[in-house]
Amino acid sequence: MHRATKAGIVGFAAVSLLAALISCSHRPAGDSTAGTGTLSDSDCRARLEGARTIEIRRAVIALEKKYAVYSDGVRVGSVTGRVLPLFGDTFTMSSLNGTPLLSEKEVKRAFRFSIDRLALITDPNSGREIGFIAQNQWRDLFNWGIVFHVYDLNQNELGQARQQFSFFLKESSISGMDEGVLRPEYTVKELFRPFQKTYDISVSSGPHSVSAETAVLLACIEDAIWSAKHGKSPKRK
């Protein structure tokens, strides 16, 4: 009887801890909009585009695939995604008020031998098509990675995101096209946080060919691909 009681206590504690972690996943650590009042959709977009540092957080234990987005420490929005192999992946960035700002939807896989995936970028409010994101992979003896090419509707390349995967933390760079030359605009680094995936995006000064909203979407898509590659894909909605 005594052993059974102890086992029951241990089991209850384990279940309680798991429930607490899942509950926390809906409000990432440090989630705060203190001092900002109610940010309008335009304020959220302006803060993001003017940020020096952007942070993206996703709980490791979560009931849905959702990323919290922070601009210089202030939460400005979120990214939600669905992974549907038969119909294509889709990711949407929304403001703090829940208004969709930018959407990316996969439209074709392997549409040519050098490209693994093609997605369309749209304005969810107006339905206006903005451009495309094409994806392919590279690998050598010790590493592998993904390259995303960002195009406008006329198929002019605006920039590239190149990520290198290793056994530990990940890092990627997002470069914009400037008169045919790629120049670094964003650096994405994974930070170690218990029970939470966190990415820090350092933003370079000057005008950018790749918007901050697009850079955030790319970082979230890269995280989802890495998670699926290692068999730790977040729960689907």
Protein backbone atom coordinates (compact mmCIF):
# COMPACT_ATOMS: atom_id res chain seq x y z
CA MET A 1 0.00 0.00 0.00
CA HIS A 2 2.82 2.39 0.90
CA ARG A 3 4.59 1.78 -2.43
CA ALA A 4 1.35 2.26 -4.35
CA THR A 5 0.79 5.59 -2.61
CA LYS A 6 4.30 6.81 -3.47
CA ALA A 7 3.87 5.71 -7.10
CA GLY A 8 0.57 7.57 -7.28
CA ILE A 9 2.16 10.76 -5.92
CA VAL A 10 5.02 10.56 -8.42
CA GLY A 11 2.57 9.93 -11.27
CA PHE A 12 0.37 12.85 -10.23
CA ALA A 13 3.41 15.16 -10.04
CA ALA A 14 4.55 14.12 -13.51
CA VAL A 15 1.10 14.74 -15.00
CA SER A 16 0.86 18.11 -13.25
CA LEU A 17 4.27 19.17 -14.60
CA LEU A 18 3.30 18.17 -18.14
CA ALA A 19 0.03 20.08 -17.87
CA ALA A 20 1.88 23.15 -16.62
CA LEU A 21 4.32 23.02 -19.53
CA ILE A 22 1.50 22.70 -22.06
CA SER A 23 -0.33 25.59 -20.40
CA CYS A 24 2.78 27.77 -20.56
CA SER A 25 3.17 27.00 -24.23
CA HIS A 26 0.18 29.19 -25.00
CA ARG A 27 1.94 32.14 -23.40
CA PRO A 28 5.68 32.04 -24.13
CA ALA A 29 8.06 33.11 -21.38
CA GLY A 30 8.55 36.83 -21.26
CA ASP A 31 5.37 37.49 -23.28
CA SER A 32 4.61 41.11 -22.62
CA THR A 33 3.11 44.14 -24.27
CA ALA A 34 3.53 46.27 -21.15
CA GLY A 35 3.96 49.94 -21.89
CA THR A 36 2.66 49.68 -25.46
CA GLY A 37 -1.05 50.04 -24.81
CA THR A 38 -3.07 48.60 -27.66
CA LEU A 39 -0.92 48.44 -30.77
CA SER A 40 -2.77 49.00 -34.01
CA ASP A 41 -2.06 46.82 -37.02
CA SER A 42 -0.03 49.63 -38.62
CA ASP A 43 1.93 50.12 -35.37
CA CYS A 44 2.77 46.40 -35.24
CA ARG A 45 3.99 46.49 -38.83
CA ALA A 46 5.96 49.71 -38.30
CA ARG A 47 7.65 48.36 -35.16
CA LEU A 48 8.60 45.20 -36.99
CA GLU A 49 10.00 46.98 -40.04
CA GLY A 50 11.94 49.39 -37.81
CA ALA A 51 13.31 46.76 -35.44
CA ARG A 52 16.99 46.25 -34.72
CA THR A 53 16.35 42.85 -33.18
CA ILE A 54 13.46 40.47 -33.80
CA GLU A 55 12.83 37.43 -31.63
CA ILE A 56 10.69 34.41 -32.48
CA ARG A 57 9.56 31.94 -29.83
CA ARG A 58 7.81 28.59 -30.06
CA ALA A 59 7.06 26.30 -27.12
CA VAL A 60 8.58 22.84 -27.55
CA ILE A 61 5.51 21.26 -25.96
CA ALA A 62 2.52 22.80 -27.71
CA LEU A 63 -0.93 21.86 -28.95
CA GLU A 64 -0.49 23.87 -32.14
CA LYS A 65 2.26 25.25 -34.33
CA LYS A 66 2.40 28.88 -33.30
CA TYR A 67 5.26 31.35 -33.04
CA ALA A 68 5.26 34.55 -30.97
CA VAL A 69 7.03 37.48 -32.65
CA TYR A 70 8.80 40.26 -30.74
CA SER A 71 10.28 43.51 -32.02
CA ASP A 72 13.01 44.92 -29.74
CA GLY A 73 11.45 43.07 -26.80
CA VAL A 74 7.83 44.02 -27.48
CA ARG A 75 5.40 41.46 -28.82
CA VAL A 76 3.96 42.60 -32.15
CA GLY A 77 2.34 39.49 -33.60
CA SER A 78 2.42 35.80 -34.26
CA VAL A 79 2.90 33.23 -37.00
CA THR A 80 0.70 30.16 -37.35
CA GLY A 81 1.28 27.30 -39.74
CA ARG A 82 -0.22 24.11 -41.05
CA VAL A 83 1.70 21.20 -42.51
CA LEU A 84 -0.54 19.37 -44.95
CA PRO A 85 1.43 17.02 -47.23
CA LEU A 86 -1.48 16.50 -49.64
CA PHE A 87 -2.48 20.15 -49.97
CA GLY A 88 0.74 22.01 -49.18
CA ASP A 89 2.10 23.92 -46.23
CA THR A 90 0.77 27.34 -45.30
CA PHE A 91 2.07 29.99 -42.89
CA THR A 92 0.40 33.25 -41.90
CA MET A 93 1.78 36.18 -39.96
CA SER A 94 -0.74 38.21 -37.96
CA SER A 95 -0.61 41.41 -35.95
CA LEU A 96 -1.01 41.53 -32.19
CA ASN A 97 -4.74 42.06 -32.80
CA GLY A 98 -4.98 38.93 -34.94
CA THR A 99 -5.21 40.69 -38.30
CA PRO A 100 -3.40 38.69 -41.03
CA LEU A 101 -0.47 40.66 -42.47
CA LEU A 102 1.33 38.23 -44.77
CA SER A 103 0.65 34.69 -45.93
CA GLU A 104 2.76 32.00 -47.62
CA LYS A 105 1.14 28.95 -49.21
CA GLU A 106 2.85 26.09 -50.97
CA VAL A 107 1.56 25.75 -54.53
CA LYS A 108 3.84 23.12 -56.02
CA ARG A 109 6.58 20.68 -55.09
CA ALA A 110 9.50 19.82 -57.38
CA PHE A 111 8.20 22.05 -60.20
CA ARG A 112 11.65 21.72 -61.69
CA PHE A 113 14.62 19.54 -60.87
CA SER A 114 16.59 22.26 -59.07
CA ILE A 115 13.69 23.38 -56.84
CA ASP A 116 12.03 21.27 -54.14
CA ARG A 117 9.16 23.54 -53.23
CA LEU A 118 7.39 26.67 -54.53
CA ALA A 119 5.14 28.89 -52.43
CA LEU A 120 3.06 31.97 -53.20
CA ILE A 121 3.24 35.07 -50.97
CA THR A 122 -0.01 37.02 -50.65
CA ASP A 123 -1.66 39.82 -48.70
CA PRO A 124 -4.37 37.88 -46.82
CA ASN A 125 -6.63 40.94 -46.51
CA SER A 126 -6.81 41.91 -50.16
CA GLY A 127 -5.80 38.59 -51.69
CA ARG A 128 -3.15 40.45 -53.68
CA GLU A 129 -0.26 38.27 -54.85
CA ILE A 130 3.13 39.67 -53.83
CA GLY A 131 5.76 37.16 -54.93
CA PHE A 132 7.16 33.66 -54.55
CA ILE A 133 9.46 31.65 -52.30
CA ALA A 134 11.34 28.78 -53.94
CA GLN A 135 13.26 26.22 -51.90
CA ASN A 136 16.07 23.78 -52.62
CA GLN A 137 18.70 21.92 -50.60
CA TRP A 138 22.45 21.65 -50.51
CA ARG A 139 24.62 19.13 -48.71
CA ASP A 140 28.22 18.06 -48.29
CA LEU A 141 29.92 15.25 -46.35
CA PHE A 142 29.22 16.75 -42.92
CA ASN A 143 26.33 19.22 -43.20
CA TRP A 144 23.17 19.90 -45.11
CA GLY A 145 21.09 23.00 -45.49
CA ILE A 146 18.24 24.78 -47.25
CA VAL A 147 18.27 27.81 -49.53
CA PHE A 148 15.15 29.90 -50.02
CA HIS A 149 14.95 32.23 -53.01
CA VAL A 150 12.56 35.19 -52.70
CA TYR A 151 11.10 36.52 -55.98
CA ASP A 152 8.66 39.24 -56.95
CA LEU A 153 5.76 38.50 -59.31
CA ASN A 154 7.99 39.20 -62.32
CA GLN A 155 10.37 36.48 -61.10
CA ASN A 156 13.08 38.99 -60.22
CA GLU A 157 15.09 37.61 -57.30
CA LEU A 158 14.86 39.87 -54.25
CA GLY A 159 17.06 37.83 -51.92
CA GLN A 160 18.05 34.49 -50.45
CA ALA A 161 17.92 32.80 -47.08
CA ARG A 162 20.59 30.17 -46.51
CA GLN A 163 20.50 27.97 -43.44
CA GLN A 164 23.04 25.43 -42.30
CA PHE A 165 21.91 22.57 -40.08
CA SER A 166 24.18 20.81 -37.65
CA PHE A 167 23.72 18.61 -34.61
CA PHE A 168 23.39 21.61 -32.31
CA LEU A 169 22.08 25.17 -32.67
CA LYS A 170 21.16 26.52 -36.08
CA GLU A 171 22.14 29.73 -37.81
CA SER A 172 21.10 31.27 -41.10
CA SER A 173 21.59 34.44 -43.06
CA ILE A 174 19.07 36.31 -45.17
CA SER A 175 20.58 38.47 -47.91
CA GLY A 176 18.94 40.99 -50.21
CA MET A 177 19.74 41.50 -53.85
CA ASP A 178 21.38 44.88 -54.53
CA GLU A 179 22.15 45.46 -58.23
CA GLY A 180 22.84 41.77 -58.73
CA VAL A 181 24.91 41.39 -55.55
CA LEU A 182 23.67 39.62 -52.42
CA ARG A 183 24.19 41.69 -49.28
CA PRO A 184 23.44 40.48 -45.71
CA GLU A 185 20.27 41.98 -44.25
CA TYR A 186 19.29 39.59 -41.43
CA THR A 187 21.17 37.05 -39.30
CA VAL A 188 19.07 34.37 -37.61
CA LYS A 189 20.54 32.51 -34.63
CA GLU A 190 18.94 29.87 -32.47
CA LEU A 191 19.24 30.56 -28.74
CA PHE A 192 19.22 27.88 -26.05
CA ARG A 193 16.03 28.09 -23.98
CA PRO A 194 14.53 25.22 -21.95
CA PHE A 195 11.09 24.11 -23.18
CA GLN A 196 11.15 26.77 -25.88
CA LYS A 197 12.55 27.24 -29.38
CA THR A 198 13.91 30.77 -29.66
CA TYR A 199 15.43 32.54 -32.64
CA ASP A 200 17.14 35.91 -32.52
CA ILE A 201 17.15 37.92 -35.76
CA SER A 202 19.70 40.74 -36.00
CA VAL A 203 18.66 43.35 -38.55
CA SER A 204 21.23 45.31 -40.54
CA SER A 205 20.86 49.05 -41.09
CA GLY A 206 19.78 50.57 -44.36
CA PRO A 207 16.99 49.70 -46.80
CA HIS A 208 16.12 46.05 -47.23
CA SER A 209 15.14 44.12 -50.33
CA VAL A 210 13.56 41.40 -48.16
CA SER A 211 10.89 42.75 -45.81
CA ALA A 212 11.02 42.00 -42.08
CA GLU A 213 7.68 40.18 -42.35
CA THR A 214 9.11 37.90 -45.04
CA ALA A 215 12.24 37.31 -42.94
CA VAL A 216 10.07 36.22 -40.00
CA LEU A 217 8.08 33.83 -42.19
CA LEU A 218 11.30 32.33 -43.57
CA ALA A 219 12.66 31.73 -40.05
CA CYS A 220 9.44 29.97 -39.01
CA ILE A 221 9.35 27.83 -42.16
CA GLU A 222 12.99 26.85 -41.64
CA ASP A 223 12.22 25.82 -38.07
CA ALA A 224 9.30 23.67 -39.22
CA ILE A 225 11.43 21.96 -41.89
CA TRP A 226 14.26 21.27 -39.43
CA SER A 227 11.79 19.86 -36.88
CA ALA A 228 10.23 17.57 -39.47
CA LYS A 229 13.66 16.46 -40.67
CA HIS A 230 14.62 15.38 -37.18
CA GLY A 231 11.26 13.77 -36.38
CA LYS A 232 10.25 16.47 -33.91
CA SER A 233 7.66 18.33 -35.89
CA PRO A 234 5.33 20.49 -33.79
CA LYS A 235 1.76 19.33 -33.36
CA ARG A 236 -0.51 20.13 -36.29
CA LYS A 237 -3.53 22.28 -35.89
